[in-house]
PDB file of N, CA and C in Angstrom:
ATOM      1  N   MET A   1       5.534   2.482 -33.010  1.00  0.00           N
ATOM      2  CA  MET A   1       5.594   1.875 -31.691  1.00  0.00           C
ATOM      3  C   MET A   1       5.655   2.939 -30.601  1.00  0.00           C
ATOM      4  N   VAL A   2       6.466   3.977 -30.793  1.00  0.00           N
ATOM      5  CA  VAL A   2       6.577   5.051 -29.809  1.00  0.00           C
ATOM      6  C   VAL A   2       5.247   5.773 -29.666  1.00  0.00           C
ATOM      7  N   GLU A   3       4.575   5.983 -30.785  1.00  0.00           N
ATOM      8  CA  GLU A   3       3.278   6.658 -30.757  1.00  0.00           C
ATOM      9  C   GLU A   3       2.269   5.841 -29.955  1.00  0.00           C
ATOM     10  N   GLU A   4       2.311   4.514 -30.093  1.00  0.00           N
ATOM     11  CA  GLU A   4       1.414   3.652 -29.338  1.00  0.00           C
ATOM     12  C   GLU A   4       1.672   3.786 -27.844  1.00  0.00           C
ATOM     13  N   LYS A   5       2.923   3.831 -27.443  1.00  0.00           N
ATOM     14  CA  LYS A   5       3.272   3.961 -26.026  1.00  0.00           C
ATOM     15  C   LYS A   5       2.750   5.272 -25.449  1.00  0.00           C
ATOM     16  N   LYS A   6       2.710   6.331 -26.252  1.00  0.00           N
ATOM     17  CA  LYS A   6       2.210   7.618 -25.772  1.00  0.00           C
ATOM     18  C   LYS A   6       0.734   7.536 -25.413  1.00  0.00           C
ATOM     19  N   ASN A   7      -0.003   6.650 -26.067  1.00  0.00           N
ATOM     20  CA  ASN A   7      -1.430   6.515 -25.817  1.00  0.00           C
ATOM     21  C   ASN A   7      -1.738   5.619 -24.619  1.00  0.00           C
ATOM     22  N   VAL A   8      -0.718   4.963 -24.068  1.00  0.00           N
ATOM     23  CA  VAL A   8      -0.927   4.067 -22.932  1.00  0.00           C
ATOM     24  C   VAL A   8      -1.168   4.900 -21.681  1.00  0.00           C
ATOM     25  N   ILE A   9      -2.295   4.621 -21.034  1.00  0.00           N
ATOM     26  CA  ILE A   9      -2.646   5.311 -19.782  1.00  0.00           C
ATOM     27  C   ILE A   9      -1.938   4.658 -18.609  1.00  0.00           C
ATOM     28  N   ILE A  10      -1.931   3.323 -18.604  1.00  0.00           N
ATOM     29  CA  ILE A  10      -1.313   2.582 -17.506  1.00  0.00           C
ATOM     30  C   ILE A  10      -0.881   1.206 -18.002  1.00  0.00           C
ATOM     31  N   THR A  11       0.183   0.699 -17.411  1.00  0.00           N
ATOM     32  CA  THR A  11       0.601  -0.674 -17.643  1.00  0.00           C
ATOM     33  C   THR A  11       0.369  -1.421 -16.343  1.00  0.00           C
ATOM     34  N   TYR A  12      -0.396  -2.484 -16.422  1.00  0.00           N
ATOM     35  CA  TYR A  12      -0.737  -3.266 -15.237  1.00  0.00           C
ATOM     36  C   TYR A  12      -0.546  -4.736 -15.561  1.00  0.00           C
ATOM     37  N   ASN A  13       0.209  -5.433 -14.734  1.00  0.00           N
ATOM     38  CA  ASN A  13       0.531  -6.852 -14.973  1.00  0.00           C
ATOM     39  C   ASN A  13       1.061  -7.069 -16.388  1.00  0.00           C
ATOM     40  N   ASP A  14       2.007  -6.220 -16.770  1.00  0.00           N
ATOM     41  CA  ASP A  14       2.662  -6.289 -18.085  1.00  0.00           C
ATOM     42  C   ASP A  14       1.696  -6.105 -19.255  1.00  0.00           C
ATOM     43  N   ARG A  15       0.554  -5.504 -18.993  1.00  0.00           N
ATOM     44  CA  ARG A  15      -0.420  -5.249 -20.059  1.00  0.00           C
ATOM     45  C   ARG A  15      -0.651  -3.746 -20.150  1.00  0.00           C
ATOM     46  N   ASP A  16      -0.532  -3.208 -21.357  1.00  0.00           N
ATOM     47  CA  ASP A  16      -0.754  -1.782 -21.590  1.00  0.00           C
ATOM     48  C   ASP A  16      -2.238  -1.514 -21.798  1.00  0.00           C
ATOM     49  N   PHE A  17      -2.726  -0.458 -21.149  1.00  0.00           N
ATOM     50  CA  PHE A  17      -4.116  -0.048 -21.297  1.00  0.00           C
ATOM     51  C   PHE A  17      -4.149   1.370 -21.851  1.00  0.00           C
ATOM     52  N   LYS A  18      -4.932   1.548 -22.903  1.00  0.00           N
ATOM     53  CA  LYS A  18      -5.144   2.865 -23.489  1.00  0.00           C
ATOM     54  C   LYS A  18      -6.471   3.403 -22.976  1.00  0.00           C
ATOM     55  N   ALA A  19      -6.712   4.671 -23.184  1.00  0.00           N
ATOM     56  CA  ALA A  19      -7.945   5.299 -22.721  1.00  0.00           C
ATOM     57  C   ALA A  19      -9.171   4.551 -23.229  1.00  0.00           C
ATOM     58  N   GLU A  20      -9.133   4.135 -24.473  1.00  0.00           N
ATOM     59  CA  GLU A  20     -10.309   3.470 -25.046  1.00  0.00           C
ATOM     60  C   GLU A  20     -10.548   2.081 -24.451  1.00  0.00           C
ATOM     61  N   ASP A  21      -9.542   1.532 -23.745  1.00  0.00           N
ATOM     62  CA  ASP A  21      -9.696   0.227 -23.099  1.00  0.00           C
ATOM     63  C   ASP A  21     -10.380   0.324 -21.741  1.00  0.00           C
ATOM     64  N   LEU A  22     -10.456   1.532 -21.197  1.00  0.00           N
ATOM     65  CA  LEU A  22     -10.897   1.717 -19.816  1.00  0.00           C
ATOM     66  C   LEU A  22     -12.239   2.425 -19.721  1.00  0.00           C
ATOM     67  N   SER A  23     -12.985   2.030 -18.695  1.00  0.00           N
ATOM     68  CA  SER A  23     -14.202   2.772 -18.373  1.00  0.00           C
ATOM     69  C   SER A  23     -13.786   4.069 -17.681  1.00  0.00           C
ATOM     70  N   GLU A  24     -14.725   4.946 -17.458  1.00  0.00           N
ATOM     71  CA  GLU A  24     -14.419   6.211 -16.770  1.00  0.00           C
ATOM     72  C   GLU A  24     -13.880   5.936 -15.371  1.00  0.00           C
ATOM     73  N   GLU A  25     -14.491   4.979 -14.687  1.00  0.00           N
ATOM     74  CA  GLU A  25     -14.040   4.633 -13.338  1.00  0.00           C
ATOM     75  C   GLU A  25     -12.623   4.071 -13.361  1.00  0.00           C
ATOM     76  N   GLN A  26     -12.362   3.170 -14.313  1.00  0.00           N
ATOM     77  CA  GLN A  26     -11.020   2.586 -14.423  1.00  0.00           C
ATOM     78  C   GLN A  26      -9.978   3.647 -14.762  1.00  0.00           C
ATOM     79  N   ALA A  27     -10.324   4.568 -15.654  1.00  0.00           N
ATOM     80  CA  ALA A  27      -9.396   5.635 -16.020  1.00  0.00           C
ATOM     81  C   ALA A  27      -9.099   6.512 -14.812  1.00  0.00           C
ATOM     82  N   ASN A  28     -10.107   6.780 -13.994  1.00  0.00           N
ATOM     83  CA  ASN A  28      -9.926   7.582 -12.782  1.00  0.00           C
ATOM     84  C   ASN A  28      -8.979   6.874 -11.809  1.00  0.00           C
ATOM     85  N   ILE A  29      -9.211   5.580 -11.614  1.00  0.00           N
ATOM     86  CA  ILE A  29      -8.339   4.799 -10.720  1.00  0.00           C
ATOM     87  C   ILE A  29      -6.926   4.728 -11.293  1.00  0.00           C
ATOM     88  N   ALA A  30      -6.816   4.532 -12.604  1.00  0.00           N
ATOM     89  CA  ALA A  30      -5.492   4.470 -13.243  1.00  0.00           C
ATOM     90  C   ALA A  30      -4.737   5.781 -13.034  1.00  0.00           C
ATOM     91  N   GLY A  31      -5.438   6.893 -13.130  1.00  0.00           N
ATOM     92  CA  GLY A  31      -4.805   8.189 -12.876  1.00  0.00           C
ATOM     93  C   GLY A  31      -4.273   8.286 -11.459  1.00  0.00           C
ATOM     94  N   LYS A  32      -5.055   7.791 -10.514  1.00  0.00           N
ATOM     95  CA  LYS A  32      -4.619   7.802  -9.105  1.00  0.00           C
ATOM     96  C   LYS A  32      -3.420   6.881  -8.897  1.00  0.00           C
ATOM     97  N   LEU A  33      -3.452   5.719  -9.554  1.00  0.00           N
ATOM     98  CA  LEU A  33      -2.314   4.801  -9.461  1.00  0.00           C
ATOM     99  C   LEU A  33      -1.048   5.432 -10.018  1.00  0.00           C
ATOM    100  N   ASN A  34      -1.170   6.099 -11.153  1.00  0.00           N
ATOM    101  CA  ASN A  34      -0.008   6.758 -11.761  1.00  0.00           C
ATOM    102  C   ASN A  34       0.533   7.858 -10.856  1.00  0.00           C
ATOM    103  N   ALA A  35      -0.365   8.650 -10.264  1.00  0.00           N
ATOM    104  CA  ALA A  35       0.074   9.726  -9.365  1.00  0.00           C
ATOM    105  C   ALA A  35       0.766   9.144  -8.135  1.00  0.00           C
ATOM    106  N   ALA A  36       0.186   8.079  -7.575  1.00  0.00           N
ATOM    107  CA  ALA A  36       0.790   7.442  -6.405  1.00  0.00           C
ATOM    108  C   ALA A  36       2.148   6.844  -6.742  1.00  0.00           C
ATOM    109  N   GLN A  37       2.266   6.239  -7.917  1.00  0.00           N
ATOM    110  CA  GLN A  37       3.543   5.654  -8.336  1.00  0.00           C
ATOM    111  C   GLN A  37       4.625   6.723  -8.461  1.00  0.00           C
ATOM    112  N   ARG A  38       4.275   7.859  -9.052  1.00  0.00           N
ATOM    113  CA  ARG A  38       5.258   8.956  -9.175  1.00  0.00           C
ATOM    114  C   ARG A  38       5.690   9.439  -7.796  1.00  0.00           C
ATOM    115  N   LYS A  39       4.737   9.558  -6.880  1.00  0.00           N
ATOM    116  CA  LYS A  39       5.076  10.015  -5.530  1.00  0.00           C
ATOM    117  C   LYS A  39       5.949   8.985  -4.824  1.00  0.00           C
ATOM    118  N   LEU A  40       5.628   7.708  -4.974  1.00  0.00           N
ATOM    119  CA  LEU A  40       6.452   6.667  -4.368  1.00  0.00           C
ATOM    120  C   LEU A  40       7.882   6.706  -4.899  1.00  0.00           C
ATOM    121  N   GLN A  41       8.046   6.968  -6.178  1.00  0.00           N
ATOM    122  CA  GLN A  41       9.390   7.075  -6.757  1.00  0.00           C
ATOM    123  C   GLN A  41      10.144   8.252  -6.134  1.00  0.00           C
ATOM    124  N   ARG A  42       9.453   9.394  -5.963  1.00  0.00           N
ATOM    125  CA  ARG A  42      10.111  10.552  -5.336  1.00  0.00           C
ATOM    126  C   ARG A  42      10.463  10.250  -3.886  1.00  0.00           C
ATOM    127  N   LEU A  43       9.567   9.565  -3.172  1.00  0.00           N
ATOM    128  CA  LEU A  43       9.845   9.211  -1.783  1.00  0.00           C
ATOM    129  C   LEU A  43      11.013   8.235  -1.692  1.00  0.00           C
ATOM    130  N   GLN A  44      11.114   7.306  -2.631  1.00  0.00           N
ATOM    131  CA  GLN A  44      12.231   6.366  -2.648  1.00  0.00           C
ATOM    132  C   GLN A  44      13.545   7.116  -2.837  1.00  0.00           C
ATOM    133  N   GLU A  45      13.549   8.075  -3.758  1.00  0.00           N
ATOM    134  CA  GLU A  45      14.750   8.886  -3.977  1.00  0.00           C
ATOM    135  C   GLU A  45      15.100   9.677  -2.718  1.00  0.00           C
ATOM    136  N   ALA A  46      14.079  10.243  -2.060  1.00  0.00           N
ATOM    137  CA  ALA A  46      14.321  11.007  -0.832  1.00  0.00           C
ATOM    138  C   ALA A  46      14.853  10.089   0.272  1.00  0.00           C
ATOM    139  N   TYR A  47      14.311   8.879   0.372  1.00  0.00           N
ATOM    140  CA  TYR A  47      14.770   7.929   1.374  1.00  0.00           C
ATOM    141  C   TYR A  47      16.234   7.556   1.140  1.00  0.00           C
ATOM    142  N   GLU A  48      16.574   7.278  -0.111  1.00  0.00           N
ATOM    143  CA  GLU A  48      17.957   6.937  -0.431  1.00  0.00           C
ATOM    144  C   GLU A  48      18.889   8.102  -0.107  1.00  0.00           C
ATOM    145  N   ASP A  49      18.453   9.317  -0.380  1.00  0.00           N
ATOM    146  CA  ASP A  49      19.234  10.502  -0.042  1.00  0.00           C
ATOM    147  C   ASP A  49      19.378  10.618   1.476  1.00  0.00           C
ATOM    148  N   TYR A  50      18.304  10.341   2.200  1.00  0.00           N
ATOM    149  CA  TYR A  50      18.335  10.381   3.668  1.00  0.00           C
ATOM    150  C   TYR A  50      19.343   9.365   4.215  1.00  0.00           C
ATOM    151  N   VAL A  51      19.281   8.135   3.720  1.00  0.00           N
ATOM    152  CA  VAL A  51      20.184   7.086   4.206  1.00  0.00           C
ATOM    153  C   VAL A  51      21.635   7.471   3.950  1.00  0.00           C
ATOM    154  N   MET A  52      21.914   7.966   2.760  1.00  0.00           N
ATOM    155  CA  MET A  52      23.278   8.348   2.416  1.00  0.00           C
ATOM    156  C   MET A  52      23.747   9.525   3.283  1.00  0.00           C
ATOM    157  N   THR A  53      22.887  10.508   3.487  1.00  0.00           N
ATOM    158  CA  THR A  53      23.248  11.670   4.293  1.00  0.00           C
ATOM    159  C   THR A  53      23.422  11.285   5.754  1.00  0.00           C
ATOM    160  N   ALA A  54      22.562  10.390   6.251  1.00  0.00           N
ATOM    161  CA  ALA A  54      22.686   9.934   7.641  1.00  0.00           C
ATOM    162  C   ALA A  54      24.008   9.197   7.844  1.00  0.00           C
ATOM    163  N   ASP A  55      24.393   8.367   6.869  1.00  0.00           N
ATOM    164  CA  ASP A  55      25.687   7.674   6.951  1.00  0.00           C
ATOM    165  C   ASP A  55      26.839   8.678   6.967  1.00  0.00           C
ATOM    166  N   TYR A  56      26.765   9.653   6.091  1.00  0.00           N
ATOM    167  CA  TYR A  56      27.792  10.692   6.025  1.00  0.00           C
ATOM    168  C   TYR A  56      27.879  11.440   7.359  1.00  0.00           C
ATOM    169  N   PHE A  57      26.726  11.755   7.921  1.00  0.00           N
ATOM    170  CA  PHE A  57      26.672  12.443   9.210  1.00  0.00           C
ATOM    171  C   PHE A  57      27.345  11.601  10.301  1.00  0.00           C
ATOM    172  N   GLU A  58      27.014  10.310  10.352  1.00  0.00           N
ATOM    173  CA  GLU A  58      27.584   9.440  11.377  1.00  0.00           C
ATOM    174  C   GLU A  58      29.088   9.283  11.219  1.00  0.00           C
ATOM    175  N   ILE A  59      29.569   9.175   9.989  1.00  0.00           N
ATOM    176  CA  ILE A  59      31.007   9.078   9.742  1.00  0.00           C
ATOM    177  C   ILE A  59      31.719  10.322  10.262  1.00  0.00           C
ATOM    178  N   ASN A  60      31.164  11.490   9.965  1.00  0.00           N
ATOM    179  CA  ASN A  60      31.791  12.732  10.406  1.00  0.00           C
ATOM    180  C   ASN A  60      31.633  12.955  11.903  1.00  0.00           C
ATOM    181  N   LYS A  61      30.538  12.501  12.477  1.00  0.00           N
ATOM    182  CA  LYS A  61      30.358  12.608  13.934  1.00  0.00           C
ATOM    183  C   LYS A  61      31.409  11.769  14.647  1.00  0.00           C
ATOM    184  N   LYS A  62      31.642  10.555  14.120  1.00  0.00           N
ATOM    185  CA  LYS A  62      32.669   9.697  14.714  1.00  0.00           C
ATOM    186  C   LYS A  62      34.050  10.314  14.530  1.00  0.00           C
ATOM    187  N   ALA A  63      34.320  10.862  13.355  1.00  0.00           N
ATOM    188  CA  ALA A  63      35.609  11.502  13.109  1.00  0.00           C
ATOM    189  C   ALA A  63      35.825  12.662  14.081  1.00  0.00           C
ATOM    190  N   PHE A  64      34.772  13.438  14.318  1.00  0.00           N
ATOM    191  CA  PHE A  64      34.883  14.556  15.260  1.00  0.00           C
ATOM    192  C   PHE A  64      35.114  14.037  16.673  1.00  0.00           C
ATOM    193  N   ALA A  65      34.361  13.005  17.052  1.00  0.00           N
ATOM    194  CA  ALA A  65      34.536  12.430  18.389  1.00  0.00           C
ATOM    195  C   ALA A  65      35.955  11.899  18.562  1.00  0.00           C
ATOM    196  N   ASP A  66      36.491  11.289  17.514  1.00  0.00           N
ATOM    197  CA  ASP A  66      37.862  10.781  17.578  1.00  0.00           C
ATOM    198  C   ASP A  66      38.860  11.910  17.802  1.00  0.00           C
ATOM    199  N   THR A  67      38.636  13.079  17.194  1.00  0.00           N
ATOM    200  CA  THR A  67      39.566  14.188  17.405  1.00  0.00           C
ATOM    201  C   THR A  67      39.472  14.722  18.829  1.00  0.00           C
ATOM    202  N   ILE A  68      38.283  14.673  19.398  1.00  0.00           N
ATOM    203  CA  ILE A  68      38.119  15.108  20.793  1.00  0.00           C
ATOM    204  C   ILE A  68      38.870  14.162  21.715  1.00  0.00           C
ATOM    205  N   GLU A  69      38.766  12.868  21.434  1.00  0.00           N
ATOM    206  CA  GLU A  69      39.488  11.881  22.241  1.00  0.00           C
ATOM    207  C   GLU A  69      40.988  12.092  22.127  1.00  0.00           C
ATOM    208  N   GLU A  70      41.465  12.425  20.920  1.00  0.00           N
ATOM    209  CA  GLU A  70      42.893  12.691  20.731  1.00  0.00           C
ATOM    210  C   GLU A  70      43.311  13.899  21.543  1.00  0.00           C
ATOM    211  N   ASP A  71      42.469  14.939  21.605  1.00  0.00           N
ATOM    212  CA  ASP A  71      42.788  16.140  22.377  1.00  0.00           C
ATOM    213  C   ASP A  71      42.876  15.815  23.866  1.00  0.00           C
ATOM    214  N   LYS A  72      42.034  14.916  24.360  1.00  0.00           N
ATOM    215  CA  LYS A  72      42.071  14.523  25.787  1.00  0.00           C
ATOM    216  C   LYS A  72      43.362  13.816  26.126  1.00  0.00           C
ATOM    217  N   GLU A  73      43.916  13.044  25.165  1.00  0.00           N
ATOM    218  CA  GLU A  73      45.127  12.286  25.400  1.00  0.00           C
ATOM    219  C   GLU A  73      46.361  13.185  25.469  1.00  0.00           C
ATOM    220  N   ASP A  74      46.285  14.366  24.836  1.00  0.00           N
ATOM    221  CA  ASP A  74      47.456  15.251  24.815  1.00  0.00           C
ATOM    222  C   ASP A  74      47.680  15.946  26.131  1.00  0.00           C
TER     223      ASP A  74
END
């Protein structure tokens, strides 16, 4: 079963396609789809990292602003 999965070029609509199932044009498009999918996954990870870092930045910016306000009150 694992060996069969290694031969799968692309899974589309829950269907596995091997090289022998595809024409040259389809294999070319499948390669582009796979490359785009990998890039989208990396971009999703980068976006999640951005959101988390932006939240962290805002929390610390507010904390810093709060200390400035405390200094004004003294």
